[in-house]
């Protein structure tokens, strides 16, 4: 980041008396009076190419379908400041992550008005991660919190009101580290049995098939370990099979049938039959 480069430069400089002196600002004056930053998000496209600012504005505005207006201010070739008229729109955009522009991941951060824009670290982005091949006994909210922690910070586990999450897979929303290879799976030992749990990432698009990192493509991957250079198998360690289809809305997944109840009953609550 530019802030790190500047700090490194200043360590080498012989500063004058005026440059050494520190200007003290009243934090209350600049953080409490202006609430504008609460309506803003900083977004950065993970690509080495320049981003067409007009194309970005038009595309994202159409995708988000906002109730109010949104403004875009370019902060760099891949970085934008987005201000939302309505907080509900901003919250909807944040909760709907991850977003992509031209198949490149758009990382997002809420604005902290006490931090320089160039000091922001876009290291994490939330994804729904599917855990496949779990024993039914472990398909619970509590287990999802514990096991999902091995992937990253757990934001949420999709489960019923009673904590169970039986289904095709267990879905865990995790803040994925963009600088590390995607985890492909993990071994689980339950009693005397071992299970190979595979991971799939919903709405995953471009990433490096050589090293599994989201922050670049694998055309000229410099992260490939030295011992893997020239190894034909190394290029097949990651692939499109890590992409998971978003949650299936099949009506049989959550409905209850029979027992004098309503087929629309979900999670212990019963909806009125409009028919």
Protein backbone atom coordinates (compact mmCIF):
# COMPACT_ATOMS: atom_id res chain seq x y z
CA UNK A 1 0.00 0.00 0.00
CA UNK A 2 1.04 3.60 -0.60
CA UNK A 3 0.94 4.40 3.12
CA UNK A 4 3.53 1.69 3.81
CA UNK A 5 5.77 2.96 1.02
CA UNK A 6 5.58 6.50 2.38
CA UNK A 7 6.39 5.36 5.92
CA UNK A 8 9.41 3.44 4.63
CA UNK A 9 10.64 6.50 2.75
CA UNK A 10 10.29 8.73 5.78
CA UNK A 11 12.41 6.37 7.85
CA UNK A 12 15.30 7.08 5.47
CA UNK A 13 14.77 10.85 5.34
CA UNK A 14 16.68 13.37 7.45
CA UNK A 15 13.68 15.36 8.65
CA UNK A 16 13.79 19.08 9.37
CA UNK A 17 12.57 20.56 12.64
CA UNK A 18 9.31 21.58 10.99
CA UNK A 19 8.76 18.11 9.58
CA UNK A 20 9.42 16.39 12.90
CA UNK A 21 6.90 18.54 14.74
CA UNK A 22 3.47 16.90 14.99
CA UNK A 23 0.18 18.68 14.33
CA UNK A 24 -2.48 17.64 16.86
CA UNK A 25 -6.09 17.46 15.65
CA UNK A 26 -9.16 17.18 17.85
CA UNK A 27 -10.69 13.79 16.97
CA UNK A 28 -14.18 14.79 18.12
CA UNK A 29 -14.23 17.75 15.77
CA UNK A 30 -13.60 15.59 12.72
CA UNK A 31 -15.37 12.33 13.60
CA UNK A 32 -18.56 13.28 15.45
CA UNK A 33 -19.70 16.31 13.46
CA UNK A 34 -19.56 14.58 10.07
CA UNK A 35 -21.61 11.37 9.83
CA UNK A 36 -21.17 11.16 6.09
CA UNK A 37 -18.65 8.37 6.35
CA UNK A 38 -21.31 6.08 7.84
CA UNK A 39 -22.98 6.04 4.42
CA UNK A 40 -19.78 5.10 2.58
CA UNK A 41 -17.97 1.96 1.48
CA UNK A 42 -14.50 1.70 -0.02
CA UNK A 43 -14.25 -0.96 -2.71
CA UNK A 44 -11.20 -2.35 -4.48
CA UNK A 45 -11.22 -4.65 -7.51
CA UNK A 46 -8.61 -7.40 -7.22
CA UNK A 47 -7.01 -6.97 -10.62
CA UNK A 48 -3.73 -5.61 -11.90
CA UNK A 49 -5.52 -3.97 -14.82
CA UNK A 50 -7.06 -0.51 -14.78
CA UNK A 51 -10.79 -0.48 -14.08
CA UNK A 52 -13.07 1.53 -16.35
CA UNK A 53 -14.67 3.91 -13.85
CA UNK A 54 -17.77 4.62 -15.94
CA UNK A 55 -18.29 0.94 -16.67
CA UNK A 56 -17.86 0.16 -12.99
CA UNK A 57 -20.43 2.79 -11.98
CA UNK A 58 -23.05 1.66 -14.50
CA UNK A 59 -22.56 -2.07 -13.91
CA UNK A 60 -22.62 -2.03 -10.12
CA UNK A 61 -25.60 0.36 -10.00
CA UNK A 62 -27.57 -2.02 -12.19
CA UNK A 63 -26.57 -5.10 -10.22
CA UNK A 64 -27.42 -3.62 -6.82
CA UNK A 65 -30.88 -2.23 -7.78
CA UNK A 66 -30.80 0.38 -5.03
CA UNK A 67 -33.77 2.30 -3.61
CA UNK A 68 -31.77 5.53 -3.35
CA UNK A 69 -28.87 7.11 -5.20
CA UNK A 70 -25.21 6.14 -4.96
CA UNK A 71 -22.14 8.15 -5.96
CA UNK A 72 -18.76 6.79 -7.03
CA UNK A 73 -15.44 8.56 -6.52
CA UNK A 74 -12.28 7.04 -7.97
CA UNK A 75 -9.47 6.75 -5.43
CA UNK A 76 -7.06 4.87 -7.66
CA UNK A 77 -7.01 2.61 -10.69
CA UNK A 78 -8.84 -0.19 -8.88
CA UNK A 79 -10.25 1.62 -5.84
CA UNK A 80 -13.54 3.50 -5.40
CA UNK A 81 -15.37 5.38 -2.66
CA UNK A 82 -19.11 4.71 -2.80
CA UNK A 83 -21.59 6.89 -0.90
CA UNK A 84 -25.15 5.63 -0.45
CA UNK A 85 -28.12 7.88 0.12
CA UNK A 86 -29.90 5.26 2.21
CA UNK A 87 -28.31 3.14 4.91
CA UNK A 88 -30.58 0.24 3.97
CA UNK A 89 -28.92 0.17 0.54
CA UNK A 90 -25.45 0.22 2.03
CA UNK A 91 -26.31 -2.58 4.45
CA UNK A 92 -27.85 -4.63 1.64
CA UNK A 93 -24.71 -4.30 -0.46
CA UNK A 94 -22.47 -5.34 2.44
CA UNK A 95 -24.64 -8.33 3.37
CA UNK A 96 -24.80 -9.45 -0.28
CA UNK A 97 -21.06 -9.92 -0.66
CA UNK A 98 -19.04 -11.15 -2.41
CA UNK A 99 -19.50 -8.94 -5.49
CA UNK A 100 -17.55 -9.13 -8.73
CA UNK A 101 -16.79 -6.72 -11.55
CA UNK A 102 -15.65 -8.23 -14.84
CA UNK A 103 -15.12 -11.50 -12.92
CA UNK A 104 -12.70 -9.80 -10.52
CA UNK A 105 -13.50 -9.88 -6.81
CA UNK A 106 -14.60 -6.51 -5.42
CA UNK A 107 -13.31 -6.31 -1.85
CA UNK A 108 -15.12 -3.91 0.45
CA UNK A 109 -14.57 -2.09 3.72
CA UNK A 110 -16.67 0.32 5.71
CA UNK A 111 -15.12 3.74 6.05
CA UNK A 112 -13.17 4.49 9.23
CA UNK A 113 -12.77 8.26 9.15
CA UNK A 114 -9.75 8.11 11.46
CA UNK A 115 -7.76 6.00 8.98
CA UNK A 116 -6.16 7.10 5.72
CA UNK A 117 -7.75 5.58 2.62
CA UNK A 118 -4.34 4.33 1.49
CA UNK A 119 -3.79 2.54 4.81
CA UNK A 120 -6.82 0.28 4.36
CA UNK A 121 -5.95 -3.41 4.17
CA UNK A 122 -8.23 -5.41 1.87
CA UNK A 123 -7.27 -8.80 3.22
CA UNK A 124 -10.63 -10.45 3.95
CA UNK A 125 -13.96 -10.92 2.20
CA UNK A 126 -16.99 -12.94 3.33
CA UNK A 127 -18.01 -16.05 1.40
CA UNK A 128 -20.59 -18.74 1.97
CA UNK A 129 -18.54 -21.93 2.28
CA UNK A 130 -20.22 -25.30 1.84
CA UNK A 131 -18.92 -28.16 3.99
CA UNK A 132 -19.59 -31.45 2.20
CA UNK A 133 -19.51 -35.07 3.45
CA UNK A 134 -20.20 -34.22 7.09
CA UNK A 135 -21.79 -36.87 9.33
CA UNK A 136 -25.34 -35.84 10.22
CA UNK A 137 -24.43 -35.61 13.90
CA UNK A 138 -22.05 -32.75 13.14
CA UNK A 139 -24.42 -30.76 10.92
CA UNK A 140 -25.31 -28.25 13.62
CA UNK A 141 -24.82 -24.56 14.25
CA UNK A 142 -22.39 -25.19 17.12
CA UNK A 143 -20.21 -27.50 15.04
CA UNK A 144 -20.28 -25.03 12.15
CA UNK A 145 -18.96 -22.31 14.43
CA UNK A 146 -16.12 -24.53 15.66
CA UNK A 147 -15.15 -26.26 12.42
CA UNK A 148 -15.67 -23.13 10.30
CA UNK A 149 -13.15 -21.33 12.48
CA UNK A 150 -10.44 -23.40 10.81
CA UNK A 151 -11.28 -21.60 7.54
CA UNK A 152 -11.52 -18.09 8.96
CA UNK A 153 -13.62 -15.85 11.16
CA UNK A 154 -17.15 -17.28 11.22
CA UNK A 155 -19.85 -14.69 10.59
CA UNK A 156 -22.87 -16.96 10.51
CA UNK A 157 -23.93 -20.59 10.25
CA UNK A 158 -27.11 -21.43 8.37
CA UNK A 159 -29.23 -23.58 10.65
CA UNK A 160 -32.79 -24.18 11.81
CA UNK A 161 -34.22 -22.66 14.97
CA UNK A 162 -33.23 -25.76 16.95
CA UNK A 163 -29.62 -25.50 15.80
CA UNK A 164 -29.72 -28.39 13.35
CA UNK A 165 -28.52 -27.90 9.78
CA UNK A 166 -29.26 -31.19 8.08
CA UNK A 167 -29.12 -31.04 4.31
CA UNK A 168 -26.88 -31.54 1.30
CA UNK A 169 -24.11 -29.60 3.04
CA UNK A 170 -23.48 -27.29 5.98
CA UNK A 171 -23.26 -23.64 4.94
CA UNK A 172 -20.94 -21.36 6.92
CA UNK A 173 -20.35 -17.69 6.15
CA UNK A 174 -16.66 -17.02 6.67
CA UNK A 175 -14.30 -14.07 6.25
CA UNK A 176 -11.82 -15.64 3.83
CA UNK A 177 -8.19 -14.49 3.87
CA UNK A 178 -7.49 -13.22 0.36
CA UNK A 179 -3.72 -13.55 0.74
CA UNK A 180 -3.74 -17.26 1.57
CA UNK A 181 -4.59 -20.26 -0.61
CA UNK A 182 -8.21 -21.36 -0.46
CA UNK A 183 -8.67 -24.33 1.83
CA UNK A 184 -9.88 -27.28 -0.22
CA UNK A 185 -10.99 -29.39 2.72
CA UNK A 186 -10.05 -30.86 6.05
CA UNK A 187 -10.00 -34.22 7.78
CA UNK A 188 -12.53 -34.82 10.55
CA UNK A 189 -12.27 -37.61 13.11
CA UNK A 190 -15.52 -38.58 14.82
CA UNK A 191 -15.07 -41.48 17.21
CA UNK A 192 -13.07 -44.13 15.36
CA UNK A 193 -14.03 -42.91 11.91
CA UNK A 194 -12.28 -40.34 9.75
CA UNK A 195 -14.12 -38.25 7.18
CA UNK A 196 -12.69 -36.14 4.37
CA UNK A 197 -14.67 -32.89 4.41
CA UNK A 198 -14.49 -30.96 1.15
CA UNK A 199 -15.09 -27.21 0.87
CA UNK A 200 -16.87 -25.34 -1.90
CA UNK A 201 -17.13 -21.57 -2.16
CA UNK A 202 -20.34 -20.00 -3.43
CA UNK A 203 -20.13 -17.26 -6.09
CA UNK A 204 -16.41 -17.85 -6.49
CA UNK A 205 -15.14 -16.60 -9.83
CA UNK A 206 -11.56 -15.75 -10.86
CA UNK A 207 -8.73 -17.10 -8.71
CA UNK A 208 -5.31 -18.68 -9.22
CA UNK A 209 -5.57 -22.36 -10.18
CA UNK A 210 -1.86 -22.82 -9.39
CA UNK A 211 -1.68 -21.57 -5.80
CA UNK A 212 -5.34 -21.07 -4.84
CA UNK A 213 -5.04 -17.39 -3.92
CA UNK A 214 -7.91 -15.05 -4.75
CA UNK A 215 -5.83 -11.93 -5.19
CA UNK A 216 -4.37 -12.88 -8.60
CA UNK A 217 -4.74 -15.20 -11.56
CA UNK A 218 -2.29 -18.01 -12.24
CA UNK A 219 -0.90 -16.96 -15.62
CA UNK A 220 2.38 -15.81 -14.08
CA UNK A 221 2.02 -17.07 -10.54
CA UNK A 222 5.05 -16.14 -8.46
CA UNK A 223 3.66 -17.79 -5.32
CA UNK A 224 4.12 -21.35 -6.53
CA UNK A 225 6.60 -23.02 -4.22
CA UNK A 226 10.06 -23.61 -5.64
CA UNK A 227 9.76 -27.38 -5.28
CA UNK A 228 6.63 -27.32 -7.44
CA UNK A 229 8.14 -25.38 -10.34
CA UNK A 230 8.08 -27.56 -13.43
CA UNK A 231 5.86 -30.11 -11.69
CA UNK A 232 2.95 -30.86 -14.01
CA UNK A 233 0.74 -31.94 -11.11
CA UNK A 234 1.24 -28.61 -9.35
CA UNK A 235 -0.98 -26.87 -11.87
CA UNK A 236 -3.88 -29.16 -10.94
CA UNK A 237 -3.94 -28.54 -7.19
CA UNK A 238 -6.82 -26.05 -7.48
CA UNK A 239 -9.60 -25.73 -10.00
CA UNK A 240 -13.21 -24.85 -10.80
CA UNK A 241 -14.42 -27.72 -8.62
CA UNK A 242 -13.91 -25.39 -5.64
CA UNK A 243 -16.90 -23.37 -6.84
CA UNK A 244 -20.17 -24.24 -5.14
CA UNK A 245 -23.65 -23.58 -6.46
CA UNK A 246 -25.57 -21.09 -4.29
CA UNK A 247 -28.17 -22.45 -1.91
CA UNK A 248 -30.82 -24.59 -3.57
CA UNK A 249 -34.32 -23.25 -3.01
CA UNK A 250 -35.95 -26.64 -3.58
CA UNK A 251 -39.33 -26.61 -1.80
CA UNK A 252 -38.60 -30.01 -0.24
CA UNK A 253 -35.57 -28.69 1.66
CA UNK A 254 -37.49 -27.03 4.49
CA UNK A 255 -41.20 -27.74 4.13
CA UNK A 256 -43.06 -30.09 6.43
CA UNK A 257 -45.81 -32.31 5.10
CA UNK A 258 -48.57 -34.19 6.86
CA UNK A 259 -49.33 -34.41 10.56
CA UNK A 260 -52.23 -31.99 10.25
CA UNK A 261 -49.80 -29.16 9.66
CA UNK A 262 -49.27 -26.79 6.78
CA UNK A 263 -46.78 -27.57 4.02
CA UNK A 264 -45.38 -24.06 4.42
CA UNK A 265 -44.30 -24.64 8.01
CA UNK A 266 -40.63 -23.76 8.52
CA UNK A 267 -38.42 -23.78 11.55
CA UNK A 268 -41.30 -24.20 14.00
CA UNK A 269 -43.29 -21.30 12.55
CA UNK A 270 -46.42 -21.75 10.46
CA UNK A 271 -47.45 -19.46 7.64
CA UNK A 272 -51.08 -18.82 6.76
CA UNK A 273 -52.25 -20.54 3.61
CA UNK A 274 -53.16 -17.84 1.12
CA UNK A 275 -55.17 -20.40 -0.87
